[in-house]
Amino acid sequence: MGAPTASGTASPHQNGTATTSASWSVEVVYRGIFQKRLANRISRGVVLGARKEGKVGTAFARYGDSPERNGIPAKNFAVVATDEVQLESSLARYEPESVDVSIVVDDTMCKGVESWAWYGVQPINKLVVPGGSLVVTSDKQPDELLRAVKVKPYAYNLVVVPSPVHAGVFAPEGSASFAGLWVDNDDNTDFKCLVAVARVAPQILTLDSVLDIVRERTNDEARVEAARAIYDQIKIRHVEPGEGSTVDHEEYQKPGWTQMREGIVVEAMQVGTRNPLYKKWSTRTRRPLVNFDTCIKCTQCWLQCPDECFEVTPEGTYEVVYEACIGCSICEEVCPVPDCITMVNELAFDNNDNLYPMYASDPEGYRRFLQQHGIALHPELIDKAKKTPAVHQQPDYPSKKQKQPVVTGGEE
């Protein structure tokens, strides 16, 4: 008996063709807008390759992600079946509730994803079935990525598609490939991901079908051979139950239509508080680190941050609230002090703890922490920073427990 799949148990296969009725689902998790074209190529490529083998299928975007936002995680799906009846049965749901293969085209999303339509922060491998595969494009080793991936109670495969570090759009010097509305990076990442599907799930499509797609799209035998070579370079790590990150993700239950309140009810956030549900941090591929020693309290980061994620410290400097930070890099761009705010890779961190308490309790330890991330300390700038008066003082906001919701357009 074969491995469980999104629509049951697949029967044995010969040459990539199923002997009985079955269907399989593939999801592509990508950065909204910046990787939209890449995700489309991959999901459509899965269907095209399957059709070459006599199967049927369809590719579609998740309705809740439209309209997409820059960098916010989004999903495409590809559903492949042996026949039309099985395909229609699989598509009776709004979207697949489980997938045989999940393809992640930015390794920083291994920490978890939260769509703008708000599904809560979800583990990147949430939909992967037992024995399924989580495919990640990355320059890192499987064990390094596994430290960020949520544990599961059953075994699955972590598959790494080699993706070298190169200049990007949303995250310069990252391994993610960007092919979206603003840029078209035709670097074979879509073909590499299709080869990975052929490697781990040949019942969906085979390597020969992928190579045919490359040949038809590029008319370049060199790119065909490059795709063929990737097949053996793919790294597969069998993940046992309980292996991975034990960081908890929040679980939320959305109210059904029978539980919704009458009228238009909008609870405004009280000054000094943040949305306790929508975190936004999974949009981030890099995070800003602040050198509190050299901060001149100019307020530029505090003023220019589009998500208001800077707060005043007791010294009048500014710290980052990482749960609210999307990693847009604006703070780094507007800061006038060299290396006072520096963007670093998000995968180097396993939590969203504010960092000022670390600095306040152990300044030397915090300076070593900055140096570990390649940040120059600039001790010659410290005296000037210390002499600069603070513009803001820490506000005395009411306790969150005292929050009074503001209701408009209806009554409670």
Protein backbone atom coordinates (compact mmCIF):
# COMPACT_ATOMS: atom_id res chain seq x y z
CA MET A 1 0.00 0.00 0.00
CA GLY A 2 1.30 3.44 -0.90
CA ALA A 3 1.78 6.51 1.29
CA PRO A 4 -1.28 8.46 2.45
CA THR A 5 -2.12 11.40 0.21
CA ALA A 6 -4.47 14.35 0.26
CA SER A 7 -7.29 12.21 -1.11
CA GLY A 8 -6.59 8.91 0.57
CA THR A 9 -4.03 6.21 -0.14
CA ALA A 10 -2.37 6.03 -3.52
CA SER A 11 -1.97 2.67 -5.13
CA PRO A 12 1.37 1.47 -6.56
CA HIS A 13 2.58 3.30 -9.64
CA GLN A 14 4.51 2.27 -12.72
CA ASN A 15 6.44 4.87 -14.72
CA GLY A 16 4.63 7.69 -12.93
CA THR A 17 1.15 6.46 -13.94
CA ALA A 18 -1.37 5.45 -11.30
CA THR A 19 -3.13 2.09 -11.72
CA THR A 20 -6.30 3.16 -9.89
CA SER A 21 -8.22 6.38 -9.41
CA ALA A 22 -6.31 8.88 -7.25
CA SER A 23 -5.49 12.55 -6.87
CA TRP A 24 -2.63 14.58 -5.43
CA SER A 25 -2.24 18.17 -4.28
CA VAL A 26 0.74 20.51 -4.39
CA GLU A 27 0.96 23.95 -2.78
CA VAL A 28 3.43 26.71 -3.59
CA VAL A 29 4.08 29.16 -0.73
CA TYR A 30 5.57 32.42 -1.98
CA ARG A 31 6.08 36.10 -1.21
CA GLY A 32 3.10 38.07 -2.49
CA ILE A 33 3.75 40.22 -5.58
CA PHE A 34 7.54 39.68 -5.49
CA GLN A 35 7.30 35.96 -6.38
CA LYS A 36 3.86 35.85 -8.00
CA ARG A 37 5.10 34.97 -11.49
CA LEU A 38 7.44 32.32 -10.11
CA ALA A 39 4.62 30.66 -8.16
CA ASN A 40 2.39 30.67 -11.23
CA ARG A 41 5.06 29.02 -13.32
CA ILE A 42 5.57 26.27 -10.78
CA SER A 43 1.91 25.45 -10.14
CA ARG A 44 1.03 25.53 -13.83
CA GLY A 45 4.13 23.50 -14.64
CA VAL A 46 2.98 20.73 -12.29
CA VAL A 47 -0.34 20.51 -14.14
CA LEU A 48 1.26 20.72 -17.59
CA GLY A 49 3.71 17.93 -16.76
CA ALA A 50 0.96 15.72 -15.38
CA ARG A 51 -1.14 16.24 -18.49
CA LYS A 52 1.75 15.07 -20.63
CA GLU A 53 1.37 11.73 -18.86
CA GLY A 54 -2.37 11.40 -19.44
CA LYS A 55 -3.49 12.81 -16.10
CA VAL A 56 -5.76 15.81 -15.57
CA GLY A 57 -5.30 18.77 -13.27
CA THR A 58 -5.79 22.42 -12.54
CA ALA A 59 -3.82 25.23 -10.89
CA PHE A 60 -5.28 28.13 -8.94
CA ALA A 61 -4.41 30.83 -6.43
CA ARG A 62 -5.83 30.98 -2.92
CA TYR A 63 -8.83 33.28 -3.03
CA GLY A 64 -8.07 34.80 0.38
CA ASP A 65 -4.71 36.16 -0.85
CA SER A 66 -6.25 38.50 -3.42
CA PRO A 67 -5.33 41.28 -3.77
CA GLU A 68 -1.77 40.35 -2.87
CA ARG A 69 0.46 42.52 -0.71
CA ASN A 70 4.20 43.01 -1.13
CA GLY A 71 6.08 40.21 0.60
CA ILE A 72 3.13 38.85 2.58
CA PRO A 73 3.00 35.02 2.28
CA ALA A 74 0.54 33.74 -0.31
CA LYS A 75 -0.29 30.36 -1.86
CA ASN A 76 -0.94 28.72 -5.19
CA PHE A 77 -2.27 25.19 -5.55
CA ALA A 78 -2.02 22.48 -8.19
CA VAL A 79 -4.37 19.49 -8.05
CA VAL A 80 -3.62 16.50 -10.27
CA ALA A 81 -5.82 13.42 -10.73
CA THR A 82 -6.02 10.27 -12.78
CA ASP A 83 -9.43 11.17 -14.22
CA GLU A 84 -11.98 13.99 -14.43
CA VAL A 85 -14.30 12.52 -11.81
CA GLN A 86 -11.51 12.27 -9.26
CA LEU A 87 -10.38 15.81 -10.09
CA GLU A 88 -13.87 17.24 -9.58
CA SER A 89 -14.16 15.39 -6.30
CA SER A 90 -10.85 16.87 -5.11
CA LEU A 91 -11.93 20.39 -6.11
CA ALA A 92 -15.20 20.22 -4.17
CA ARG A 93 -13.34 21.90 -1.27
CA TYR A 94 -12.49 25.61 -1.17
CA GLU A 95 -8.81 24.69 -1.14
CA PRO A 96 -6.82 21.55 -0.29
CA GLU A 97 -6.86 20.72 3.40
CA SER A 98 -3.70 18.65 3.00
CA VAL A 99 -1.00 18.39 0.35
CA ASP A 100 1.42 15.74 -0.82
CA VAL A 101 4.08 18.33 -1.66
CA SER A 102 4.54 21.84 -0.26
CA ILE A 103 7.00 24.04 -2.18
CA VAL A 104 8.48 27.02 -0.33
CA VAL A 105 10.37 29.49 -2.52
CA ASP A 106 11.83 31.61 0.31
CA ASP A 107 13.52 29.72 3.14
CA THR A 108 12.80 32.43 5.74
CA MET A 109 9.15 31.32 5.62
CA CYS A 110 10.17 28.07 7.31
CA LYS A 111 9.57 29.91 10.61
CA GLY A 112 5.85 30.20 9.87
CA VAL A 113 3.51 32.13 7.59
CA GLU A 114 0.60 34.51 8.09
CA SER A 115 -1.44 35.70 5.12
CA TRP A 116 -2.88 39.21 4.95
CA ALA A 117 -6.39 37.73 4.92
CA TRP A 118 -5.48 36.37 8.34
CA TYR A 119 -5.42 32.67 8.92
CA GLY A 120 -3.28 33.17 12.02
CA VAL A 121 0.43 32.33 12.08
CA GLN A 122 0.68 28.80 10.70
CA PRO A 123 3.56 26.30 10.57
CA ILE A 124 5.03 26.11 7.08
CA ASN A 125 4.48 22.33 7.01
CA LYS A 126 0.92 22.43 8.36
CA LEU A 127 -0.73 20.83 5.30
CA VAL A 128 1.96 18.23 4.52
CA VAL A 129 0.56 14.70 4.85
CA PRO A 130 2.39 11.81 6.56
CA GLY A 131 5.13 10.69 4.21
CA GLY A 132 4.74 13.89 2.17
CA SER A 133 7.46 16.38 1.28
CA LEU A 134 8.30 19.95 2.26
CA VAL A 135 10.41 21.33 -0.62
CA VAL A 136 12.44 24.48 0.13
CA THR A 137 14.68 26.52 -2.17
CA SER A 138 17.71 27.47 -0.07
CA ASP A 139 21.49 27.72 0.15
CA LYS A 140 21.34 26.06 3.58
CA GLN A 141 21.55 22.45 4.72
CA PRO A 142 18.36 20.54 5.67
CA ASP A 143 19.34 20.30 9.34
CA GLU A 144 19.77 24.08 9.54
CA LEU A 145 16.32 24.67 8.08
CA LEU A 146 14.76 21.99 10.26
CA ARG A 147 15.55 24.04 13.37
CA ALA A 148 12.98 26.59 12.15
CA VAL A 149 10.30 24.14 10.94
CA LYS A 150 7.53 23.20 13.36
CA VAL A 151 7.58 19.63 14.70
CA LYS A 152 4.97 17.19 13.43
CA PRO A 153 3.65 14.04 15.11
CA TYR A 154 4.47 11.95 12.03
CA ALA A 155 7.32 11.48 9.58
CA TYR A 156 7.75 13.45 6.35
CA ASN A 157 10.60 14.55 4.06
CA LEU A 158 12.42 17.88 4.10
CA VAL A 159 13.75 18.50 0.60
CA VAL A 160 16.24 21.28 -0.21
CA VAL A 161 16.57 22.59 -3.76
CA PRO A 162 19.98 24.31 -4.12
CA SER A 163 19.49 28.06 -4.51
CA PRO A 164 22.64 30.19 -4.33
CA VAL A 165 22.77 33.53 -2.57
CA HIS A 166 22.25 36.42 -4.97
CA ALA A 167 20.91 39.96 -5.04
CA GLY A 168 17.16 40.12 -4.62
CA VAL A 169 14.41 42.71 -4.32
CA PHE A 170 12.74 42.31 -0.94
CA ALA A 171 15.79 40.74 0.70
CA PRO A 172 19.14 41.58 -0.92
CA GLU A 173 21.81 38.92 -0.48
CA GLY A 174 19.21 36.20 0.04
CA SER A 175 18.68 32.81 -1.58
CA ALA A 176 15.09 33.52 -2.63
CA SER A 177 14.43 33.98 -6.34
CA PHE A 178 12.18 36.89 -7.23
CA ALA A 179 9.94 36.76 -10.29
CA GLY A 180 6.83 38.83 -9.76
CA LEU A 181 4.98 41.88 -10.99
CA TRP A 182 7.99 44.19 -10.63
CA VAL A 183 10.79 41.89 -11.76
CA ASP A 184 11.28 38.77 -13.85
CA ASN A 185 14.20 36.67 -12.70
CA ASP A 186 14.37 33.76 -15.14
CA ASP A 187 16.98 31.73 -13.28
CA ASN A 188 15.55 28.18 -13.61
CA THR A 189 14.08 28.17 -10.09
CA ASP A 190 10.69 27.11 -11.47
CA PHE A 191 12.29 24.21 -13.35
CA LYS A 192 14.31 23.19 -10.29
CA CYS A 193 11.15 23.01 -8.19
CA LEU A 194 9.42 20.88 -10.84
CA VAL A 195 12.43 18.54 -10.84
CA ALA A 196 12.11 18.28 -7.05
CA VAL A 197 8.46 17.24 -7.41
CA ALA A 198 9.51 14.59 -9.94
CA ARG A 199 12.19 13.37 -7.52
CA VAL A 200 9.96 12.99 -4.43
CA ALA A 201 6.54 12.40 -6.03
CA PRO A 202 6.91 10.76 -9.46
CA GLN A 203 3.27 9.73 -9.27
CA ILE A 204 2.45 13.40 -9.93
CA LEU A 205 4.88 13.99 -12.78
CA THR A 206 8.13 12.44 -13.96
CA LEU A 207 11.54 13.89 -14.75
CA ASP A 208 11.03 13.25 -18.48
CA SER A 209 7.90 15.40 -18.44
CA VAL A 210 9.76 18.20 -16.64
CA LEU A 211 12.59 18.09 -19.19
CA ASP A 212 10.04 18.28 -22.00
CA ILE A 213 8.59 21.42 -20.40
CA VAL A 214 12.05 23.01 -20.13
CA ARG A 215 12.78 22.16 -23.77
CA GLU A 216 9.47 23.60 -24.99
CA ARG A 217 9.72 26.81 -22.96
CA THR A 218 13.38 27.61 -23.59
CA ASN A 219 14.42 25.77 -26.76
CA ASP A 220 17.79 25.52 -25.03
CA GLU A 221 19.38 22.11 -24.50
CA ALA A 222 21.87 23.59 -22.05
CA ARG A 223 19.01 24.53 -19.73
CA VAL A 224 17.50 21.08 -20.20
CA GLU A 225 20.76 19.50 -19.04
CA ALA A 226 21.00 21.97 -16.14
CA ALA A 227 17.56 20.86 -14.99
CA ARG A 228 18.55 17.21 -15.33
CA ALA A 229 21.68 17.81 -13.23
CA ILE A 230 19.60 19.31 -10.39
CA TYR A 231 17.83 15.96 -9.93
CA ASP A 232 20.85 14.43 -8.18
CA GLN A 233 21.81 17.64 -6.35
CA ILE A 234 18.54 17.82 -4.42
CA LYS A 235 19.00 17.04 -0.71
CA ILE A 236 16.39 14.89 1.01
CA ARG A 237 16.22 14.68 4.80
CA HIS A 238 13.80 12.16 6.33
CA VAL A 239 12.24 13.91 9.33
CA GLU A 240 11.12 11.73 12.20
CA PRO A 241 8.09 12.54 14.40
CA GLY A 242 8.99 15.22 16.95
CA GLU A 243 11.99 16.61 15.05
CA GLY A 244 12.06 20.37 14.46
CA SER A 245 11.15 23.59 16.22
CA THR A 246 8.98 23.51 19.33
CA VAL A 247 8.07 27.21 19.12
CA ASP A 248 4.32 27.51 19.56
CA HIS A 249 2.18 29.28 16.98
CA GLU A 250 -1.02 30.96 18.11
CA GLU A 251 -4.24 29.11 17.31
CA TYR A 252 -7.34 31.17 16.61
CA GLN A 253 -10.92 30.24 15.85
CA LYS A 254 -12.74 32.55 13.48
CA PRO A 255 -16.41 33.12 14.30
CA GLY A 256 -18.95 31.65 11.92
CA TRP A 257 -21.66 33.81 10.45
CA THR A 258 -24.04 32.79 13.23
CA GLN A 259 -21.62 34.12 15.88
CA MET A 260 -20.97 37.50 14.23
CA ARG A 261 -22.41 40.59 15.88
CA GLU A 262 -25.13 42.64 14.27
CA GLY A 263 -24.31 45.84 12.45
CA ILE A 264 -20.84 47.03 11.46
CA VAL A 265 -18.66 46.63 14.53
CA VAL A 266 -15.05 47.80 14.46
CA GLU A 267 -12.99 47.56 17.62
CA ALA A 268 -10.34 50.27 17.46
CA MET A 269 -6.95 49.63 19.05
CA GLN A 270 -6.23 51.83 22.04
CA VAL A 271 -3.20 54.11 21.79
CA GLY A 272 -0.11 52.24 22.92
CA THR A 273 -1.45 48.79 22.07
CA ARG A 274 -1.13 46.54 19.03
CA ASN A 275 -3.38 44.01 17.40
CA PRO A 276 -3.06 40.88 19.55
CA LEU A 277 -3.99 38.62 16.64
CA TYR A 278 -2.36 39.89 13.45
CA LYS A 279 1.40 39.76 14.02
CA LYS A 280 2.85 40.59 10.56
CA TRP A 281 6.33 39.27 11.29
CA SER A 282 6.15 36.40 8.79
CA THR A 283 6.31 39.01 6.00
CA ARG A 284 9.91 39.59 7.06
CA THR A 285 12.91 38.02 5.34
CA ARG A 286 15.38 40.21 7.25
CA ARG A 287 15.11 42.03 10.56
CA PRO A 288 16.69 45.30 11.77
CA LEU A 289 19.21 45.27 14.60
CA VAL A 290 19.77 48.53 16.47
CA ASN A 291 23.06 49.71 17.95
CA PHE A 292 21.72 51.56 20.98
CA ASP A 293 25.19 52.97 21.74
CA THR A 294 25.29 55.08 18.58
CA CYS A 295 21.60 56.03 18.30
CA ILE A 296 21.35 59.86 18.20
CA LYS A 297 17.59 59.85 18.92
CA CYS A 298 16.82 61.62 15.65
CA THR A 299 13.37 59.94 15.51
CA GLN A 300 13.67 59.07 11.81
CA CYS A 301 13.08 55.33 12.31
CA TRP A 302 10.18 56.09 14.66
CA LEU A 303 8.63 58.54 12.20
CA GLN A 304 9.17 56.69 8.94
CA CYS A 305 8.31 53.12 9.96
CA PRO A 306 5.08 52.31 8.07
CA ASP A 307 4.04 49.77 10.71
CA GLU A 308 4.81 51.85 13.80
CA CYS A 309 6.99 49.11 15.24
CA PHE A 310 9.50 51.34 17.04
CA GLU A 311 9.07 52.15 20.73
CA VAL A 312 10.93 54.55 23.00
CA THR A 313 13.41 53.11 25.50
CA PRO A 314 14.10 54.63 28.95
CA GLU A 315 17.18 56.31 27.42
CA GLY A 316 15.17 57.92 24.64
CA THR A 317 16.56 55.64 21.94
CA TYR A 318 14.30 53.40 19.87
CA GLU A 319 13.84 49.64 19.92
CA VAL A 320 12.05 47.36 17.45
CA VAL A 321 8.89 45.45 18.31
CA TYR A 322 9.64 42.41 16.16
CA GLU A 323 6.15 40.94 16.18
CA ALA A 324 4.99 44.04 14.27
CA CYS A 325 8.05 44.49 12.01
CA ILE A 326 7.68 43.40 8.36
CA GLY A 327 11.38 43.88 7.52
CA CYS A 328 10.82 46.57 4.88
CA SER A 329 14.31 48.12 5.49
CA ILE A 330 12.99 51.70 5.55
CA CYS A 331 14.46 52.27 9.02
CA GLU A 332 17.91 51.25 7.78
CA GLU A 333 17.58 53.56 4.79
CA VAL A 334 16.57 56.68 6.75
CA CYS A 335 18.95 56.24 9.69
CA PRO A 336 21.74 58.85 9.35
CA VAL A 337 24.21 57.01 11.61
CA PRO A 338 26.48 54.38 10.00
CA ASP A 339 25.48 50.84 11.02
CA CYS A 340 23.14 52.06 13.75
CA ILE A 341 20.35 50.06 12.11
CA THR A 342 21.38 47.03 10.07
CA MET A 343 19.23 44.43 8.35
CA VAL A 344 20.25 40.80 8.94
CA ASN A 345 18.88 37.42 7.85
CA GLU A 346 15.69 36.40 9.66
CA LEU A 347 16.59 32.71 9.88
CA ALA A 348 19.32 33.56 12.39
CA PHE A 349 16.62 34.09 15.05
CA ASP A 350 14.13 31.74 16.68
CA ASN A 351 11.95 34.29 18.51
CA ASN A 352 10.55 37.84 18.33
CA ASP A 353 11.80 39.05 21.70
CA ASN A 354 12.60 42.77 21.96
CA LEU A 355 16.35 43.30 22.25
CA TYR A 356 16.63 46.41 24.42
CA PRO A 357 16.35 44.36 27.64
CA MET A 358 19.43 42.39 26.51
CA TYR A 359 21.33 45.65 25.97
CA ALA A 360 20.17 47.12 29.29
CA SER A 361 21.21 44.08 31.32
CA ASP A 362 24.45 43.27 29.49
CA PRO A 363 25.77 46.05 27.19
CA GLU A 364 29.01 44.21 26.42
CA GLY A 365 27.14 41.03 25.62
CA TYR A 366 24.84 42.96 23.30
CA ARG A 367 27.83 44.49 21.49
CA ARG A 368 29.27 41.01 20.95
CA PHE A 369 25.86 39.96 19.66
CA LEU A 370 25.97 42.74 17.05
CA GLN A 371 29.48 41.76 16.00
CA GLN A 372 28.39 38.15 15.59
CA HIS A 373 26.01 39.43 12.93
CA GLY A 374 28.79 41.31 11.15
CA ILE A 375 27.85 44.78 12.43
CA ALA A 376 30.58 47.36 13.05
CA LEU A 377 30.28 49.06 16.45
CA HIS A 378 31.75 52.54 15.64
CA PRO A 379 32.89 53.43 19.18
CA GLU A 380 33.98 56.87 17.91
CA LEU A 381 30.29 57.80 17.56
CA ILE A 382 29.21 56.89 21.10
CA ASP A 383 30.10 60.17 22.83
CA LYS A 384 28.08 62.25 20.36
CA ALA A 385 25.12 59.91 20.73
CA LYS A 386 25.19 60.11 24.53
CA LYS A 387 25.19 63.92 24.42
CA THR A 388 22.15 64.08 22.15
CA PRO A 389 19.02 64.86 24.19
CA ALA A 390 16.02 62.57 23.92
CA VAL A 391 13.06 63.77 21.88
CA HIS A 392 10.56 61.36 23.41
CA GLN A 393 10.06 59.87 26.83
CA GLN A 394 8.53 56.48 27.46
CA PRO A 395 4.76 57.06 27.45
CA ASP A 396 2.65 55.85 30.35
CA TYR A 397 -0.04 53.99 28.44
CA PRO A 398 -2.96 52.31 30.23
CA SER A 399 -2.64 48.60 30.87
CA LYS A 400 -3.87 46.33 28.10
CA LYS A 401 -6.23 44.81 30.64
CA GLN A 402 -7.98 48.17 30.85
CA LYS A 403 -8.63 48.27 27.09
CA GLN A 404 -12.06 49.60 26.20
CA PRO A 405 -13.14 48.68 22.65
CA VAL A 406 -14.47 51.47 20.48
CA VAL A 407 -17.60 50.37 18.62
CA THR A 408 -18.85 52.15 15.50
CA GLY A 409 -21.86 51.53 13.32
CA GLY A 410 -23.61 49.20 15.73
CA GLU A 411 -24.24 48.43 19.37
CA GLU A 412 -22.98 45.68 21.64
